[in-house]
Amino acid sequence: MPDSIEISRELACQVLWVFGYEGFPGGTFQSKVLDLIAHADKVNEARLTLAFPAEVAAVRIAKHDEDGIAKLRAIADGQAAA
């Protein structure tokens, strides 16, 4: 996945919400997409990346980065860009 994918403040808030942190839910479709990505195996996650690159990148940060939640919080607060 390219490093140039931008994660918006809104998306960071939505991903935080999906993982049970502060933030807010997306609309019905967006919430279902994020939940699907969060539960996808590697093959299906790769497929979802084609249609939803920013969403997959944000979920990967939450799931796999040691300080991923802190990174998403910083993006959501406008203190960092991703």
N, C-alpha and C. Protein backbone atom coordinates (compact mmCIF):
# COMPACT_ATOMS: atom_id res chain seq x y z
N MET A 1 0.86 -1.17 0.00
CA MET A 1 0.00 0.00 0.00
C MET A 1 0.90 1.23 0.00
N PRO A 2 0.63 2.20 -0.85
CA PRO A 2 1.47 3.39 -0.92
C PRO A 2 1.44 4.19 0.38
N ASP A 3 2.55 4.88 0.64
CA ASP A 3 2.63 5.71 1.84
C ASP A 3 1.85 7.00 1.71
N SER A 4 1.39 7.33 0.51
CA SER A 4 0.75 8.62 0.26
C SER A 4 -0.75 8.64 0.55
N ILE A 5 -1.28 7.59 1.13
CA ILE A 5 -2.71 7.55 1.44
C ILE A 5 -2.98 8.46 2.63
N GLU A 6 -3.93 9.38 2.46
CA GLU A 6 -4.27 10.32 3.51
C GLU A 6 -5.46 9.81 4.31
N ILE A 7 -5.34 9.86 5.61
CA ILE A 7 -6.43 9.50 6.51
C ILE A 7 -7.00 10.80 7.07
N SER A 8 -8.26 11.05 6.79
CA SER A 8 -8.89 12.29 7.24
C SER A 8 -9.20 12.23 8.73
N ARG A 9 -9.44 13.40 9.30
CA ARG A 9 -9.83 13.47 10.71
C ARG A 9 -11.12 12.69 10.94
N GLU A 10 -12.06 12.84 10.02
CA GLU A 10 -13.34 12.15 10.14
C GLU A 10 -13.15 10.63 10.14
N LEU A 11 -12.32 10.14 9.22
CA LEU A 11 -12.08 8.70 9.15
C LEU A 11 -11.38 8.21 10.42
N ALA A 12 -10.43 8.96 10.92
CA ALA A 12 -9.75 8.57 12.16
C ALA A 12 -10.76 8.44 13.30
N CYS A 13 -11.68 9.38 13.41
CA CYS A 13 -12.72 9.33 14.44
C CYS A 13 -13.61 8.10 14.27
N GLN A 14 -13.95 7.77 13.04
CA GLN A 14 -14.80 6.62 12.77
C GLN A 14 -14.10 5.31 13.12
N VAL A 15 -12.82 5.21 12.79
CA VAL A 15 -12.07 3.99 13.11
C VAL A 15 -11.89 3.85 14.61
N LEU A 16 -11.61 4.94 15.29
CA LEU A 16 -11.53 4.88 16.75
C LEU A 16 -12.83 4.34 17.33
N TRP A 17 -13.95 4.81 16.81
CA TRP A 17 -15.27 4.36 17.27
C TRP A 17 -15.44 2.85 17.06
N VAL A 18 -15.04 2.36 15.89
CA VAL A 18 -15.17 0.94 15.58
C VAL A 18 -14.42 0.09 16.60
N PHE A 19 -13.28 0.60 17.07
CA PHE A 19 -12.46 -0.16 18.02
C PHE A 19 -12.78 0.17 19.48
N GLY A 20 -13.89 0.88 19.71
CA GLY A 20 -14.37 1.10 21.06
C GLY A 20 -13.77 2.29 21.79
N TYR A 21 -13.19 3.21 21.03
CA TYR A 21 -12.62 4.41 21.63
C TYR A 21 -13.52 5.60 21.31
N GLU A 22 -13.07 6.79 21.76
CA GLU A 22 -13.83 8.00 21.45
C GLU A 22 -13.89 8.17 19.93
N GLY A 23 -14.69 9.05 19.50
CA GLY A 23 -14.90 9.26 18.08
C GLY A 23 -16.39 9.27 17.81
N PHE A 24 -16.74 8.91 16.61
CA PHE A 24 -18.16 8.85 16.28
C PHE A 24 -18.34 7.86 15.14
N PRO A 25 -19.52 7.26 15.05
CA PRO A 25 -19.75 6.30 13.99
C PRO A 25 -19.92 6.99 12.65
N GLY A 26 -19.54 6.29 11.61
CA GLY A 26 -19.83 6.77 10.27
C GLY A 26 -21.29 6.47 9.95
N GLY A 27 -21.67 6.76 8.74
CA GLY A 27 -23.00 6.37 8.30
C GLY A 27 -23.12 4.86 8.24
N THR A 28 -24.28 4.37 7.92
CA THR A 28 -24.52 2.93 7.91
C THR A 28 -23.53 2.20 7.01
N PHE A 29 -23.37 2.65 5.77
CA PHE A 29 -22.47 1.98 4.83
C PHE A 29 -21.03 2.04 5.33
N GLN A 30 -20.57 3.23 5.71
CA GLN A 30 -19.19 3.40 6.18
C GLN A 30 -18.92 2.55 7.41
N SER A 31 -19.85 2.50 8.32
CA SER A 31 -19.68 1.68 9.53
C SER A 31 -19.54 0.21 9.17
N LYS A 32 -20.35 -0.25 8.23
CA LYS A 32 -20.27 -1.65 7.81
C LYS A 32 -18.96 -1.94 7.09
N VAL A 33 -18.50 -1.01 6.26
CA VAL A 33 -17.22 -1.18 5.56
C VAL A 33 -16.08 -1.29 6.57
N LEU A 34 -16.05 -0.39 7.54
CA LEU A 34 -14.97 -0.42 8.54
C LEU A 34 -15.02 -1.69 9.37
N ASP A 35 -16.21 -2.14 9.74
CA ASP A 35 -16.35 -3.38 10.48
C ASP A 35 -15.88 -4.57 9.64
N LEU A 36 -16.24 -4.57 8.37
CA LEU A 36 -15.82 -5.63 7.46
C LEU A 36 -14.29 -5.67 7.35
N ILE A 37 -13.67 -4.53 7.18
CA ILE A 37 -12.21 -4.46 7.08
C ILE A 37 -11.59 -4.96 8.39
N ALA A 38 -12.13 -4.54 9.51
CA ALA A 38 -11.58 -4.93 10.81
C ALA A 38 -11.61 -6.44 11.03
N HIS A 39 -12.56 -7.12 10.39
CA HIS A 39 -12.70 -8.56 10.58
C HIS A 39 -12.20 -9.38 9.39
N ALA A 40 -11.69 -8.74 8.37
CA ALA A 40 -11.27 -9.44 7.16
C ALA A 40 -9.95 -10.20 7.37
N ASP A 41 -9.83 -11.34 6.70
CA ASP A 41 -8.53 -12.02 6.67
C ASP A 41 -7.63 -11.27 5.68
N LYS A 42 -6.38 -11.68 5.57
CA LYS A 42 -5.42 -10.94 4.75
C LYS A 42 -5.81 -10.88 3.28
N VAL A 43 -6.34 -11.98 2.74
CA VAL A 43 -6.72 -12.01 1.32
C VAL A 43 -7.85 -11.02 1.06
N ASN A 44 -8.87 -11.06 1.88
CA ASN A 44 -10.01 -10.16 1.67
C ASN A 44 -9.66 -8.72 2.02
N GLU A 45 -8.77 -8.52 2.99
CA GLU A 45 -8.31 -7.16 3.29
C GLU A 45 -7.61 -6.57 2.06
N ALA A 46 -6.80 -7.38 1.39
CA ALA A 46 -6.12 -6.91 0.18
C ALA A 46 -7.13 -6.54 -0.90
N ARG A 47 -8.18 -7.31 -1.03
CA ARG A 47 -9.23 -6.99 -2.01
C ARG A 47 -9.93 -5.68 -1.65
N LEU A 48 -10.22 -5.50 -0.38
CA LEU A 48 -10.89 -4.28 0.07
C LEU A 48 -10.02 -3.05 -0.11
N THR A 49 -8.70 -3.23 -0.09
CA THR A 49 -7.77 -2.12 -0.29
C THR A 49 -7.97 -1.47 -1.65
N LEU A 50 -8.34 -2.24 -2.64
CA LEU A 50 -8.55 -1.70 -3.99
C LEU A 50 -9.68 -0.67 -4.01
N ALA A 51 -10.71 -0.91 -3.25
CA ALA A 51 -11.87 0.00 -3.24
C ALA A 51 -11.82 1.03 -2.11
N PHE A 52 -11.17 0.68 -1.00
CA PHE A 52 -11.19 1.53 0.19
C PHE A 52 -9.78 1.68 0.78
N PRO A 53 -8.86 2.28 0.03
CA PRO A 53 -7.46 2.32 0.51
C PRO A 53 -7.27 3.09 1.82
N ALA A 54 -7.92 4.21 1.99
CA ALA A 54 -7.75 4.98 3.23
C ALA A 54 -8.36 4.25 4.42
N GLU A 55 -9.50 3.64 4.22
CA GLU A 55 -10.16 2.92 5.29
C GLU A 55 -9.31 1.74 5.75
N VAL A 56 -8.76 0.98 4.79
CA VAL A 56 -7.90 -0.15 5.15
C VAL A 56 -6.65 0.34 5.86
N ALA A 57 -6.06 1.42 5.38
CA ALA A 57 -4.86 1.96 6.02
C ALA A 57 -5.15 2.35 7.47
N ALA A 58 -6.27 3.00 7.70
CA ALA A 58 -6.62 3.43 9.06
C ALA A 58 -6.88 2.24 9.98
N VAL A 59 -7.58 1.24 9.48
CA VAL A 59 -7.84 0.05 10.28
C VAL A 59 -6.54 -0.68 10.58
N ARG A 60 -5.64 -0.76 9.60
CA ARG A 60 -4.34 -1.40 9.84
C ARG A 60 -3.57 -0.67 10.93
N ILE A 61 -3.62 0.64 10.93
CA ILE A 61 -2.94 1.40 11.99
C ILE A 61 -3.52 1.01 13.34
N ALA A 62 -4.84 0.95 13.44
CA ALA A 62 -5.48 0.61 14.71
C ALA A 62 -5.14 -0.81 15.15
N LYS A 63 -5.09 -1.74 14.22
CA LYS A 63 -4.89 -3.14 14.56
C LYS A 63 -3.43 -3.53 14.75
N HIS A 64 -2.53 -2.94 13.97
CA HIS A 64 -1.18 -3.49 13.90
C HIS A 64 -0.06 -2.58 14.39
N ASP A 65 -0.28 -1.29 14.46
CA ASP A 65 0.77 -0.39 14.96
C ASP A 65 0.75 -0.39 16.48
N GLU A 66 1.92 -0.48 17.07
CA GLU A 66 2.02 -0.50 18.53
C GLU A 66 1.36 0.72 19.16
N ASP A 67 1.54 1.86 18.53
CA ASP A 67 0.92 3.10 19.03
C ASP A 67 -0.15 3.60 18.07
N GLY A 68 -0.84 2.66 17.43
CA GLY A 68 -1.82 3.00 16.41
C GLY A 68 -2.98 3.84 16.90
N ILE A 69 -3.49 3.51 18.08
CA ILE A 69 -4.62 4.29 18.61
C ILE A 69 -4.17 5.72 18.89
N ALA A 70 -2.98 5.88 19.42
CA ALA A 70 -2.46 7.23 19.67
C ALA A 70 -2.28 7.99 18.35
N LYS A 71 -1.83 7.30 17.31
CA LYS A 71 -1.69 7.94 15.99
C LYS A 71 -3.05 8.40 15.47
N LEU A 72 -4.04 7.53 15.57
CA LEU A 72 -5.38 7.91 15.10
C LEU A 72 -5.96 9.04 15.93
N ARG A 73 -5.71 9.03 17.23
CA ARG A 73 -6.17 10.14 18.08
C ARG A 73 -5.54 11.45 17.64
N ALA A 74 -4.24 11.41 17.32
CA ALA A 74 -3.55 12.63 16.88
C ALA A 74 -4.13 13.13 15.56
N ILE A 75 -4.43 12.22 14.64
CA ILE A 75 -5.05 12.61 13.37
C ILE A 75 -6.43 13.21 13.64
N ALA A 76 -7.21 12.54 14.48
CA ALA A 76 -8.56 13.01 14.80
C ALA A 76 -8.55 14.39 15.45
N ASP A 77 -7.51 14.66 16.23
CA ASP A 77 -7.39 15.95 16.91
C ASP A 77 -6.74 17.02 16.03
N GLY A 78 -6.35 16.64 14.82
CA GLY A 78 -5.71 17.59 13.91
C GLY A 78 -4.26 17.87 14.24
N GLN A 79 -3.65 17.02 15.05
CA GLN A 79 -2.26 17.22 15.46
C GLN A 79 -1.27 16.48 14.58
N ALA A 80 -1.76 15.60 13.72
CA ALA A 80 -0.88 14.82 12.85
C ALA A 80 -1.60 14.55 11.55
N ALA A 81 -0.83 14.29 10.54
CA ALA A 81 -1.38 13.90 9.24
C ALA A 81 -0.93 12.48 8.95
N ALA A 82 -1.76 11.76 8.25
CA ALA A 82 -1.38 10.41 7.84
C ALA A 82 -1.85 10.17 6.43
